Amino acid sequence: MKLRKWIQVGLVLALMVPLTTACGSQSTKKTTSSRPKPTKVIQTPYENTEFMMGTVVTLRVYNKGKQSAVDGAFKLLKKEAKEVTTNASGSEIDKVNAAAGKHPVVVSKDVYPILKAAYYYSKNSDESFDMAIGSITQLWRIGFSDARVPKQSEIDREVKLVDYTKVKLNDKKRSVYLEEKGMKLDLGGIAKGYMTDQVHKYFLNHGVSTAIIDLGGNIFVMGDSPKGTKSGDWTVGIQDPKESRGTAIGSIPAKNMSIVTSGIYERYLKKNGKIYSHLMDPKTGAPYQNNLMGVSIISKKSTDGDGLSTATFDKGLKDGMKYINAKADQGIGAIFITKDRKVYVSNNLKKKFSLFSDSGYKYGSASDLK
């Protein structure tokens, strides 16, 4: 395929712990049997785009008469985003951080599942993902107007506070306690994935079977593509991490799947001719230093994709691929893009992913993974 800029319906462009606890609203607690029957699928979707959580969010619903589902999903997103952000005074996470080293904080039914998911991936990834990275992200502030390159002495001080094992969760009380004063949670590495999954649940509970959920590159393609293909698959573009959104290096068929990408060029600070990525290494307190430029995770849950896309950056190409290949039985796969413009695909996606011949990228050698 020569066309790298896709805009037509049905082609989705992605930069791109299963949760059993639903959102606190009644609408997300419905069982499968009580969900309304989806309405007819139409070719022209109901859609809306808003800027929130520091990114562009677009929801498209292809079921007839379901504009209200789009509106309701945005209300849900705004409500939850307000509680999990670390950059808005008064959020639940802000209250947890303010109480570090003092006392536990009881959080809502909406927020606690995100904390559980973040803790799971902090442990599962051997701290490649760390939910307590907040002291470092707040130090660098990359993505905000006051971003700066901290002194090494500041980094050395704050990185000591990055330790998810000192985050104590109490399931019975639904509380969280940061054991050391100065510790800070930052759920930016998993919140968009969790909220994507929440929108998916919301749509199912409101008679939506076919939709595209896009939270700033956290993509979920829901149901059969309205293009009417025999397989029902959507064609999902894998974002070129060096280009603006909408420029793909290749594509993959997907249905009822999430595609999440972390890339070093998405948000960064350029200082004295050097580029600093917003993706922080919890071990060093500085941006990751390896040959990876982008990682796209394909999974059934966007929460998984979000957590894993961050974790694999810390592990690098070889260990990251090994980590992902071990999760193939969970339906999880990945596409790695390196700074020398090579592409590596997990074992379970090799027959599905198509690299565009005019992308400027080429497949890397299997020997690079040994």
Protein backbone atom coordinates (compact mmCIF):
# COMPACT_ATOMS: atom_id res chain seq x y z
CA MET A 1 0.00 0.00 0.00
CA LYS A 2 1.41 3.33 -1.08
CA LEU A 3 -1.00 5.62 0.71
CA ARG A 4 0.48 6.49 4.10
CA LYS A 5 -1.94 9.25 5.08
CA TRP A 6 -5.28 7.59 5.83
CA ILE A 7 -8.51 9.47 6.40
CA GLN A 8 -11.26 7.17 5.17
CA VAL A 9 -13.77 5.44 7.43
CA GLY A 10 -12.66 2.06 8.67
CA LEU A 11 -8.94 2.78 8.64
CA VAL A 12 -7.74 3.67 12.08
CA LEU A 13 -4.45 5.37 12.79
CA ALA A 14 -2.67 4.61 16.00
CA LEU A 15 0.50 5.97 17.54
CA MET A 16 -0.09 2.71 19.08
CA VAL A 17 -4.57 -7.19 34.51
CA PRO A 18 -7.80 -7.66 33.03
CA LEU A 19 -9.99 -5.60 35.39
CA THR A 20 -13.10 -7.05 36.93
CA THR A 21 -14.13 -3.97 38.92
CA ALA A 22 -16.43 -1.72 36.90
CA CYS A 23 -16.81 2.02 37.00
CA GLY A 24 -18.91 3.36 39.86
CA SER A 25 -21.79 4.49 37.66
CA GLN A 26 -24.78 2.20 37.20
CA SER A 27 -24.31 2.15 33.45
CA THR A 28 -21.05 0.19 33.62
CA LYS A 29 -22.35 -2.42 36.06
CA LYS A 30 -24.80 -4.08 33.69
CA THR A 31 -24.29 -7.76 32.96
CA THR A 32 -24.00 -9.04 29.40
CA SER A 33 -27.54 -10.46 29.51
CA SER A 34 -29.05 -7.12 30.56
CA ARG A 35 -27.34 -5.07 27.89
CA PRO A 36 -29.62 -3.56 25.24
CA LYS A 37 -29.54 -5.08 21.76
CA PRO A 38 -27.31 -2.99 19.46
CA THR A 39 -29.03 -0.94 16.79
CA LYS A 40 -28.32 -1.11 13.06
CA VAL A 41 -24.76 -0.32 11.93
CA ILE A 42 -24.48 2.76 9.70
CA GLN A 43 -21.69 3.96 7.41
CA THR A 44 -21.40 7.53 8.69
CA PRO A 45 -20.61 7.57 12.42
CA TYR A 46 -21.71 9.86 15.18
CA GLU A 47 -18.49 11.38 16.38
CA ASN A 48 -16.97 14.04 18.56
CA THR A 49 -13.43 15.23 19.23
CA GLU A 50 -12.26 17.09 22.32
CA PHE A 51 -8.92 18.03 23.83
CA MET A 52 -8.54 16.52 27.28
CA MET A 53 -5.90 14.80 29.40
CA GLY A 54 -3.30 16.68 27.38
CA THR A 55 -4.27 14.95 24.14
CA VAL A 56 -6.90 14.78 21.40
CA VAL A 57 -9.74 12.36 22.15
CA THR A 58 -12.05 11.15 19.37
CA LEU A 59 -15.01 8.80 19.70
CA ARG A 60 -16.86 7.39 16.67
CA VAL A 61 -20.02 5.29 17.01
CA TYR A 62 -21.50 3.44 14.00
CA ASN A 63 -24.81 2.33 15.53
CA LYS A 64 -27.94 4.16 14.42
CA GLY A 65 -29.40 6.63 16.90
CA LYS A 66 -26.50 6.43 19.35
CA GLN A 67 -25.27 10.04 19.44
CA SER A 68 -26.23 10.03 23.10
CA ALA A 69 -23.69 7.25 23.74
CA VAL A 70 -20.92 9.47 22.40
CA ASP A 71 -22.04 12.33 24.64
CA GLY A 72 -22.34 10.07 27.66
CA ALA A 73 -18.91 8.56 27.11
CA PHE A 74 -17.31 12.00 27.08
CA LYS A 75 -19.02 12.85 30.37
CA LEU A 76 -17.62 9.62 31.83
CA LEU A 77 -14.11 10.45 30.59
CA LYS A 78 -14.18 13.97 31.99
CA LYS A 79 -15.34 12.71 35.37
CA GLU A 80 -12.63 10.09 35.66
CA ALA A 81 -9.86 12.25 34.19
CA LYS A 82 -10.54 14.84 36.85
CA GLU A 83 -9.86 12.28 39.59
CA VAL A 84 -6.70 10.59 38.28
CA THR A 85 -4.65 13.53 37.06
CA THR A 86 -1.59 14.60 39.03
CA ASN A 87 -1.68 18.09 37.59
CA ALA A 88 -5.02 19.28 38.92
CA SER A 89 -5.35 20.34 42.52
CA GLY A 90 -8.07 18.46 44.34
CA SER A 91 -7.98 15.24 42.31
CA GLU A 92 -8.05 11.97 44.22
CA ILE A 93 -4.48 11.17 43.18
CA ASP A 94 -3.40 14.65 44.27
CA LYS A 95 -4.89 13.94 47.71
CA VAL A 96 -3.04 10.61 47.91
CA ASN A 97 0.25 12.32 47.04
CA ALA A 98 -0.34 15.09 49.58
CA ALA A 99 -0.83 12.46 52.31
CA ALA A 100 2.42 10.60 51.54
CA GLY A 101 4.15 9.51 54.73
CA LYS A 102 1.19 10.70 56.81
CA HIS A 103 -1.90 8.53 56.42
CA PRO A 104 -3.87 6.34 53.98
CA VAL A 105 -6.47 7.93 51.71
CA VAL A 106 -9.74 6.25 50.79
CA VAL A 107 -10.44 6.59 47.06
CA SER A 108 -13.58 6.10 44.99
CA LYS A 109 -14.76 2.97 43.21
CA ASP A 110 -13.84 4.68 39.95
CA VAL A 111 -10.20 5.23 40.89
CA TYR A 112 -9.23 2.16 42.92
CA PRO A 113 -9.18 -0.25 39.92
CA ILE A 114 -6.64 1.98 38.16
CA LEU A 115 -4.38 1.79 41.20
CA LYS A 116 -4.72 -2.00 41.26
CA ALA A 117 -3.82 -2.24 37.57
CA ALA A 118 -0.85 0.10 38.00
CA TYR A 119 0.42 -1.94 40.95
CA TYR A 120 0.04 -5.18 38.96
CA TYR A 121 2.20 -3.92 36.10
CA SER A 122 4.74 -2.35 38.43
CA LYS A 123 5.26 -5.82 39.90
CA ASN A 124 4.81 -7.87 36.72
CA SER A 125 7.38 -5.83 34.79
CA ASP A 126 9.99 -5.99 37.57
CA GLU A 127 9.63 -2.22 38.02
CA SER A 128 10.16 -1.34 34.37
CA PHE A 129 6.81 0.34 34.90
CA ASP A 130 6.54 2.03 38.29
CA MET A 131 3.36 3.73 39.47
CA ALA A 132 5.40 5.81 41.96
CA ILE A 133 7.32 7.65 39.20
CA GLY A 134 5.57 10.94 40.09
CA SER A 135 8.50 12.55 41.90
CA ILE A 136 10.52 12.25 38.67
CA THR A 137 7.85 13.27 36.17
CA GLN A 138 7.04 16.32 38.29
CA LEU A 139 10.73 17.18 38.38
CA TRP A 140 11.15 17.18 34.60
CA ARG A 141 7.60 18.36 33.70
CA ILE A 142 8.04 17.32 30.06
CA GLY A 143 4.90 18.13 28.12
CA PHE A 144 4.23 21.29 30.12
CA SER A 145 5.32 24.90 29.62
CA ASP A 146 7.66 24.76 32.62
CA ALA A 147 9.58 21.67 31.45
CA ARG A 148 13.30 21.71 32.26
CA VAL A 149 16.39 19.54 32.55
CA PRO A 150 16.98 19.04 36.29
CA LYS A 151 20.37 18.97 37.95
CA GLN A 152 21.77 15.51 38.59
CA SER A 153 21.64 16.16 42.32
CA GLU A 154 17.88 16.75 42.05
CA ILE A 155 17.41 13.54 40.08
CA ASP A 156 19.48 11.56 42.58
CA ARG A 157 17.30 12.87 45.41
CA GLU A 158 13.93 12.25 43.77
CA VAL A 159 14.65 8.87 42.18
CA LYS A 160 15.03 7.39 45.67
CA LEU A 161 11.30 7.99 46.13
CA VAL A 162 10.37 5.87 43.11
CA ASP A 163 9.40 2.55 44.68
CA TYR A 164 6.03 0.92 44.05
CA THR A 165 6.63 -1.56 46.90
CA LYS A 166 6.06 1.36 49.28
CA VAL A 167 2.57 1.88 47.84
CA LYS A 168 0.18 0.06 50.18
CA LEU A 169 -3.27 -0.81 48.85
CA ASN A 170 -6.04 -1.98 51.14
CA ASP A 171 -8.77 -3.71 49.14
CA LYS A 172 -11.19 -3.92 52.06
CA LYS A 173 -10.98 -0.22 52.88
CA ARG A 174 -10.28 0.80 49.27
CA SER A 175 -7.43 2.96 50.49
CA VAL A 176 -3.91 3.77 49.33
CA TYR A 177 -0.94 4.82 51.42
CA LEU A 178 2.46 6.07 50.25
CA GLU A 179 4.86 5.05 52.99
CA GLU A 180 7.49 7.73 52.46
CA LYS A 181 7.03 11.49 52.57
CA GLY A 182 7.61 13.06 49.18
CA MET A 183 6.48 10.01 47.20
CA LYS A 184 4.12 10.72 44.30
CA LEU A 185 1.93 8.54 42.14
CA ASP A 186 1.73 9.22 38.42
CA LEU A 187 -0.77 7.08 36.53
CA GLY A 188 -0.06 8.69 33.16
CA GLY A 189 1.47 5.45 31.93
CA ILE A 190 -1.76 3.49 32.34
CA ALA A 191 -4.72 5.85 32.89
CA LYS A 192 -5.62 6.36 29.22
CA GLY A 193 -5.67 2.60 28.70
CA TYR A 194 -7.95 2.05 31.66
CA MET A 195 -10.27 4.84 30.55
CA THR A 196 -10.38 3.42 27.01
CA ASP A 197 -11.58 0.14 28.50
CA GLN A 198 -14.17 2.02 30.54
CA VAL A 199 -15.56 3.66 27.39
CA HIS A 200 -15.68 0.24 25.75
CA LYS A 201 -17.80 -1.07 28.66
CA TYR A 202 -19.98 2.03 28.55
CA PHE A 203 -20.67 1.57 24.84
CA LEU A 204 -21.58 -2.11 25.28
CA ASN A 205 -23.99 -1.16 28.06
CA HIS A 206 -25.66 1.42 25.85
CA GLY A 207 -26.38 -0.65 22.75
CA VAL A 208 -23.20 0.15 20.81
CA SER A 209 -21.55 -2.73 18.96
CA THR A 210 -19.36 -0.90 16.44
CA ALA A 211 -17.08 1.98 17.33
CA ILE A 212 -13.61 3.50 17.31
CA ILE A 213 -12.30 4.72 20.64
CA ASP A 214 -9.22 6.93 20.32
CA LEU A 215 -7.73 8.46 23.45
CA GLY A 216 -4.77 10.26 21.97
CA GLY A 217 -3.43 7.20 20.19
CA ASN A 218 -4.81 4.61 22.60
CA ILE A 219 -7.00 2.93 20.01
CA PHE A 220 -9.75 0.37 20.49
CA VAL A 221 -11.58 -0.97 17.43
CA MET A 222 -14.95 -2.34 18.50
CA GLY A 223 -17.08 -4.86 16.60
CA ASP A 224 -17.00 -5.52 12.86
CA SER A 225 -15.78 -2.84 10.51
CA PRO A 226 -18.72 -1.09 8.79
CA LYS A 227 -16.83 -1.52 5.51
CA GLY A 228 -18.38 -4.99 5.36
CA THR A 229 -15.24 -7.06 4.94
CA LYS A 230 -15.64 -10.84 5.08
CA SER A 231 -13.52 -11.14 8.21
CA GLY A 232 -15.08 -8.11 9.87
CA ASP A 233 -11.58 -6.82 10.67
CA TRP A 234 -10.63 -3.18 10.76
CA THR A 235 -7.36 -2.17 9.12
CA VAL A 236 -5.31 -0.40 11.77
CA GLY A 237 -2.32 1.73 10.87
CA ILE A 238 0.80 1.56 13.04
CA GLN A 239 2.06 5.09 13.59
CA ASP A 240 5.44 6.30 12.41
CA PRO A 241 6.90 7.54 15.74
CA LYS A 242 8.88 10.29 13.98
CA GLU A 243 5.92 11.79 12.13
CA SER A 244 2.69 13.56 12.99
CA ARG A 245 -0.37 11.49 13.86
CA GLY A 246 -1.90 9.88 10.81
CA THR A 247 1.34 8.71 9.18
CA ALA A 248 1.63 4.93 9.26
CA ILE A 249 4.58 2.62 8.58
CA GLY A 250 2.35 -0.41 8.16
CA SER A 251 -0.97 -1.97 9.09
CA ILE A 252 -2.53 -4.84 10.97
CA PRO A 253 -6.05 -6.34 10.90
CA ALA A 254 -7.88 -6.15 14.22
CA LYS A 255 -11.33 -6.55 15.74
CA ASN A 256 -12.31 -5.95 19.37
CA MET A 257 -8.69 -5.20 20.09
CA SER A 258 -6.60 -2.38 21.53
CA ILE A 259 -3.56 -0.84 19.88
CA VAL A 260 -1.40 1.38 22.10
CA THR A 261 1.90 3.00 21.18
CA SER A 262 4.55 4.72 23.26
CA GLY A 263 7.01 6.82 21.29
CA ILE A 264 9.91 9.07 22.20
CA TYR A 265 8.87 11.78 19.74
CA GLU A 266 5.29 12.14 20.97
CA ARG A 267 6.16 14.48 23.85
CA TYR A 268 9.64 15.74 24.44
CA LEU A 269 11.86 18.59 25.60
CA LYS A 270 14.52 19.96 23.28
CA LYS A 271 17.35 21.66 25.14
CA ASN A 272 20.82 22.62 23.90
CA GLY A 273 20.37 20.53 20.79
CA LYS A 274 19.40 17.40 22.72
CA ILE A 275 15.98 15.76 22.79
CA TYR A 276 14.63 14.45 26.10
CA SER A 277 11.65 12.07 25.89
CA HIS A 278 8.76 12.17 28.37
CA LEU A 279 9.22 8.43 28.93
CA MET A 280 11.14 8.19 32.20
CA ASP A 281 13.29 5.32 33.43
CA PRO A 282 12.24 4.62 37.05
CA LYS A 283 15.71 3.30 37.82
CA THR A 284 17.72 6.33 36.63
CA GLY A 285 15.16 9.12 36.96
CA ALA A 286 15.95 10.25 33.41
CA PRO A 287 14.53 9.51 29.93
CA TYR A 288 15.16 6.00 28.65
CA GLN A 289 18.48 5.53 26.88
CA ASN A 290 18.23 2.69 24.36
CA ASN A 291 17.67 2.16 20.64
CA LEU A 292 13.86 2.06 20.79
CA MET A 293 11.86 4.80 19.09
CA GLY A 294 8.37 3.35 19.35
CA VAL A 295 6.54 0.31 20.71
CA SER A 296 3.00 -0.66 19.70
CA ILE A 297 1.15 -3.18 21.86
CA ILE A 298 -1.82 -5.12 20.50
CA SER A 299 -4.02 -6.59 23.25
CA LYS A 300 -7.59 -7.35 24.26
CA LYS A 301 -7.50 -4.72 27.00
CA SER A 302 -6.15 -1.21 26.52
CA THR A 303 -5.07 -1.15 30.16
CA ASP A 304 -2.66 -3.97 29.34
CA GLY A 305 -1.42 -2.19 26.24
CA ASP A 306 -0.75 1.04 28.11
CA GLY A 307 1.15 -0.59 30.96
CA LEU A 308 3.14 -2.86 28.64
CA SER A 309 4.09 -0.16 26.14
CA THR A 310 5.75 1.78 28.96
CA ALA A 311 7.38 -1.27 30.53
CA THR A 312 8.93 -2.50 27.29
CA PHE A 313 10.77 0.78 26.76
CA ASP A 314 12.71 0.17 29.94
CA LYS A 315 13.59 -3.37 28.89
CA GLY A 316 14.84 -2.40 25.43
CA LEU A 317 14.50 -4.43 22.23
CA LYS A 318 15.82 -7.86 23.25
CA ASP A 319 14.38 -8.12 26.74
CA GLY A 320 11.22 -6.26 25.70
CA MET A 321 10.52 -8.73 22.89
CA LYS A 322 11.16 -11.66 25.21
CA TYR A 323 8.77 -10.14 27.75
CA ILE A 324 6.02 -9.70 25.14
CA ASN A 325 6.47 -13.09 23.44
CA ALA A 326 5.90 -14.71 26.84
CA LYS A 327 2.42 -13.11 26.88
CA ALA A 328 1.27 -14.52 23.52
CA ASP A 329 -1.16 -16.90 25.24
CA GLN A 330 -2.94 -13.81 26.58
CA GLY A 331 -3.47 -12.50 23.06
CA ILE A 332 -0.78 -9.85 23.49
CA GLY A 333 1.69 -8.92 20.75
CA ALA A 334 3.98 -6.02 19.87
CA ILE A 335 5.68 -4.12 17.08
CA PHE A 336 9.03 -2.52 17.98
CA ILE A 337 10.56 0.34 16.00
CA THR A 338 14.21 1.27 16.53
CA LYS A 339 16.02 4.55 15.98
CA ASP A 340 17.84 3.10 12.97
CA ARG A 341 14.41 2.65 11.30
CA LYS A 342 14.10 -1.10 11.72
CA VAL A 343 10.94 -2.96 12.63
CA TYR A 344 10.66 -6.08 14.80
CA VAL A 345 7.42 -8.01 15.25
CA SER A 346 6.45 -10.43 18.04
CA ASN A 347 5.99 -14.05 17.00
CA ASN A 348 2.20 -14.01 17.05
CA LEU A 349 1.91 -10.98 14.74
CA LYS A 350 4.43 -11.87 12.04
CA LYS A 351 1.75 -13.21 9.68
CA LYS A 352 -0.59 -10.29 10.36
CA PHE A 353 1.54 -7.15 10.21
CA SER A 354 2.23 -5.58 6.80
CA LEU A 355 5.08 -3.09 6.44
CA PHE A 356 4.48 -0.47 3.74
CA SER A 357 7.12 -0.61 1.02
CA ASP A 358 7.40 3.19 0.89
CA SER A 359 7.56 3.67 4.66
CA GLY A 360 11.32 4.18 4.83
CA TYR A 361 11.56 1.34 7.37
CA LYS A 362 12.73 -2.25 6.98
CA TYR A 363 12.51 -5.43 9.02
CA GLY A 364 15.35 -6.01 11.44
CA SER A 365 17.32 -9.24 11.59
CA ALA A 366 16.26 -12.03 13.94
CA SER A 367 19.88 -12.15 15.11
CA ASP A 368 19.40 -8.71 16.70
CA LEU A 369 17.08 -10.35 19.22
CA LYS A 370 19.54 -13.00 20.37
